[in-house]
Amino acid sequence: MQHFTYYPKGVCSRQIDFDLDEEGKIHDLKFVGGCDGNLKAIGILLEGTDAREAAERLRGNDCRGRGTSCADQLSKAIDGMALS
């Protein structure tokens, strides 16, 4: 299992932590800051899912016209750190 920490930009959450197993599946996803209930739900929904598939689904999600969202920032974390 490999642990990743990402510091999102342009959103309310300040930090995203997650683990990837050897098969590329997401575990223990946690957001620091942001919309607590919604971000906890994302962590529950993505537990054990394929990281590439999750990033594809979340990429481009917008929050209040910011051009990004916490979910979009997670896709950037997965793309840039976990699967490079």
C-alpha atoms as a PDB file:
ATOM      1  CA  MET A   1       0.000   0.000   0.000  1.00  0.00           C
ATOM      2  CA  GLN A   2       1.323   3.434  -0.937  1.00  0.00           C
ATOM      3  CA  HIS A   3       0.170   6.634   0.790  1.00  0.00           C
ATOM      4  CA  PHE A   4      -0.353   9.952  -1.015  1.00  0.00           C
ATOM      5  CA  THR A   5      -0.953  13.480   0.253  1.00  0.00           C
ATOM      6  CA  TYR A   6      -2.084  16.217  -2.123  1.00  0.00           C
ATOM      7  CA  TYR A   7      -2.641  19.915  -1.451  1.00  0.00           C
ATOM      8  CA  PRO A   8      -5.545  21.079  -3.636  1.00  0.00           C
ATOM      9  CA  LYS A   9      -5.779  24.514  -5.217  1.00  0.00           C
ATOM     10  CA  GLY A  10      -8.834  26.743  -5.665  1.00  0.00           C
ATOM     11  CA  VAL A  11     -11.171  24.787  -3.370  1.00  0.00           C
ATOM     12  CA  CYS A  12     -12.202  24.744   0.281  1.00  0.00           C
ATOM     13  CA  SER A  13     -10.415  21.526   1.221  1.00  0.00           C
ATOM     14  CA  ARG A  14      -6.795  21.994   2.253  1.00  0.00           C
ATOM     15  CA  GLN A  15      -5.491  18.455   1.932  1.00  0.00           C
ATOM     16  CA  ILE A  16      -6.388  15.114   0.360  1.00  0.00           C
ATOM     17  CA  ASP A  17      -4.947  11.869   1.736  1.00  0.00           C
ATOM     18  CA  PHE A  18      -5.429   8.424   0.235  1.00  0.00           C
ATOM     19  CA  ASP A  19      -3.764   5.065  -0.180  1.00  0.00           C
ATOM     20  CA  LEU A  20      -3.432   2.956  -3.303  1.00  0.00           C
ATOM     21  CA  ASP A  21      -2.983  -0.781  -3.140  1.00  0.00           C
ATOM     22  CA  GLU A  22      -0.844  -2.763  -5.581  1.00  0.00           C
ATOM     23  CA  GLU A  23      -3.843  -3.123  -7.928  1.00  0.00           C
ATOM     24  CA  GLY A  24      -4.413   0.660  -8.102  1.00  0.00           C
ATOM     25  CA  LYS A  25      -7.496   0.658  -5.875  1.00  0.00           C
ATOM     26  CA  ILE A  26      -8.284   3.598  -3.561  1.00  0.00           C
ATOM     27  CA  HIS A  27      -8.378   3.132   0.223  1.00  0.00           C
ATOM     28  CA  ASP A  28      -8.739   5.434   3.246  1.00  0.00           C
ATOM     29  CA  LEU A  29      -9.574   8.562   1.237  1.00  0.00           C
ATOM     30  CA  LYS A  30      -9.844  11.608   3.501  1.00  0.00           C
ATOM     31  CA  PHE A  31     -10.254  15.318   2.807  1.00  0.00           C
ATOM     32  CA  VAL A  32      -9.186  17.994   5.300  1.00  0.00           C
ATOM     33  CA  GLY A  33     -11.518  20.983   5.202  1.00  0.00           C
ATOM     34  CA  GLY A  34     -14.302  21.513   2.704  1.00  0.00           C
ATOM     35  CA  CYS A  35     -17.878  20.216   2.834  1.00  0.00           C
ATOM     36  CA  ASP A  36     -17.446  17.550   5.486  1.00  0.00           C
ATOM     37  CA  GLY A  37     -20.478  15.358   4.785  1.00  0.00           C
ATOM     38  CA  ASN A  38     -20.100  15.401   1.015  1.00  0.00           C
ATOM     39  CA  LEU A  39     -16.382  14.699   1.134  1.00  0.00           C
ATOM     40  CA  LYS A  40     -16.830  11.842   3.604  1.00  0.00           C
ATOM     41  CA  ALA A  41     -19.414  10.412   1.203  1.00  0.00           C
ATOM     42  CA  ILE A  42     -16.920  10.581  -1.684  1.00  0.00           C
ATOM     43  CA  GLY A  43     -14.442   8.631   0.441  1.00  0.00           C
ATOM     44  CA  ILE A  44     -17.042   5.968   1.227  1.00  0.00           C
ATOM     45  CA  LEU A  45     -18.201   5.717  -2.388  1.00  0.00           C
ATOM     46  CA  LEU A  46     -14.672   5.389  -3.772  1.00  0.00           C
ATOM     47  CA  GLU A  47     -13.355   2.891  -1.223  1.00  0.00           C
ATOM     48  CA  GLY A  48     -11.893  -0.051  -3.130  1.00  0.00           C
ATOM     49  CA  THR A  49     -12.527   1.415  -6.590  1.00  0.00           C
ATOM     50  CA  ASP A  50     -10.006   1.638  -9.394  1.00  0.00           C
ATOM     51  CA  ALA A  51      -8.155   4.970  -9.133  1.00  0.00           C
ATOM     52  CA  ARG A  52      -8.007   5.551 -12.907  1.00  0.00           C
ATOM     53  CA  GLU A  53     -11.757   5.001 -13.231  1.00  0.00           C
ATOM     54  CA  ALA A  54     -12.455   7.302 -10.277  1.00  0.00           C
ATOM     55  CA  ALA A  55     -10.257  10.053 -11.739  1.00  0.00           C
ATOM     56  CA  GLU A  56     -12.001   9.771 -15.097  1.00  0.00           C
ATOM     57  CA  ARG A  57     -15.437  10.110 -13.491  1.00  0.00           C
ATOM     58  CA  LEU A  58     -14.484  13.068 -11.285  1.00  0.00           C
ATOM     59  CA  ARG A  59     -12.331  15.032 -13.724  1.00  0.00           C
ATOM     60  CA  GLY A  60     -13.849  18.383 -14.716  1.00  0.00           C
ATOM     61  CA  ASN A  61     -16.438  18.537 -11.927  1.00  0.00           C
ATOM     62  CA  ASP A  62     -16.991  22.224 -11.105  1.00  0.00           C
ATOM     63  CA  CYS A  63     -17.980  23.867  -7.814  1.00  0.00           C
ATOM     64  CA  ARG A  64     -19.652  27.275  -7.987  1.00  0.00           C
ATOM     65  CA  GLY A  65     -17.927  28.385 -11.188  1.00  0.00           C
ATOM     66  CA  ARG A  66     -14.411  27.927  -9.808  1.00  0.00           C
ATOM     67  CA  GLY A  67     -13.347  25.767 -12.723  1.00  0.00           C
ATOM     68  CA  THR A  68     -12.544  22.961 -10.285  1.00  0.00           C
ATOM     69  CA  SER A  69     -13.922  21.228  -7.199  1.00  0.00           C
ATOM     70  CA  CYS A  70     -12.656  18.986  -4.424  1.00  0.00           C
ATOM     71  CA  ALA A  71     -13.603  15.976  -6.575  1.00  0.00           C
ATOM     72  CA  ASP A  72     -11.765  17.448  -9.590  1.00  0.00           C
ATOM     73  CA  GLN A  73      -8.744  18.109  -7.391  1.00  0.00           C
ATOM     74  CA  LEU A  74      -8.800  14.443  -6.351  1.00  0.00           C
ATOM     75  CA  SER A  75      -8.647  13.488 -10.036  1.00  0.00           C
ATOM     76  CA  LYS A  76      -5.606  15.759 -10.391  1.00  0.00           C
ATOM     77  CA  ALA A  77      -4.002  14.104  -7.364  1.00  0.00           C
ATOM     78  CA  ILE A  78      -4.550  10.663  -8.838  1.00  0.00           C
ATOM     79  CA  ASP A  79      -3.360  11.686 -12.303  1.00  0.00           C
ATOM     80  CA  GLY A  80      -0.314  13.593 -11.153  1.00  0.00           C
ATOM     81  CA  MET A  81       0.940  11.673  -8.173  1.00  0.00           C
ATOM     82  CA  ALA A  82      -0.440   8.198  -7.977  1.00  0.00           C
ATOM     83  CA  LEU A  83      -0.368   7.014 -11.561  1.00  0.00           C
ATOM     84  CA  SER A  84       2.622   8.854 -12.978  1.00  0.00           C
END
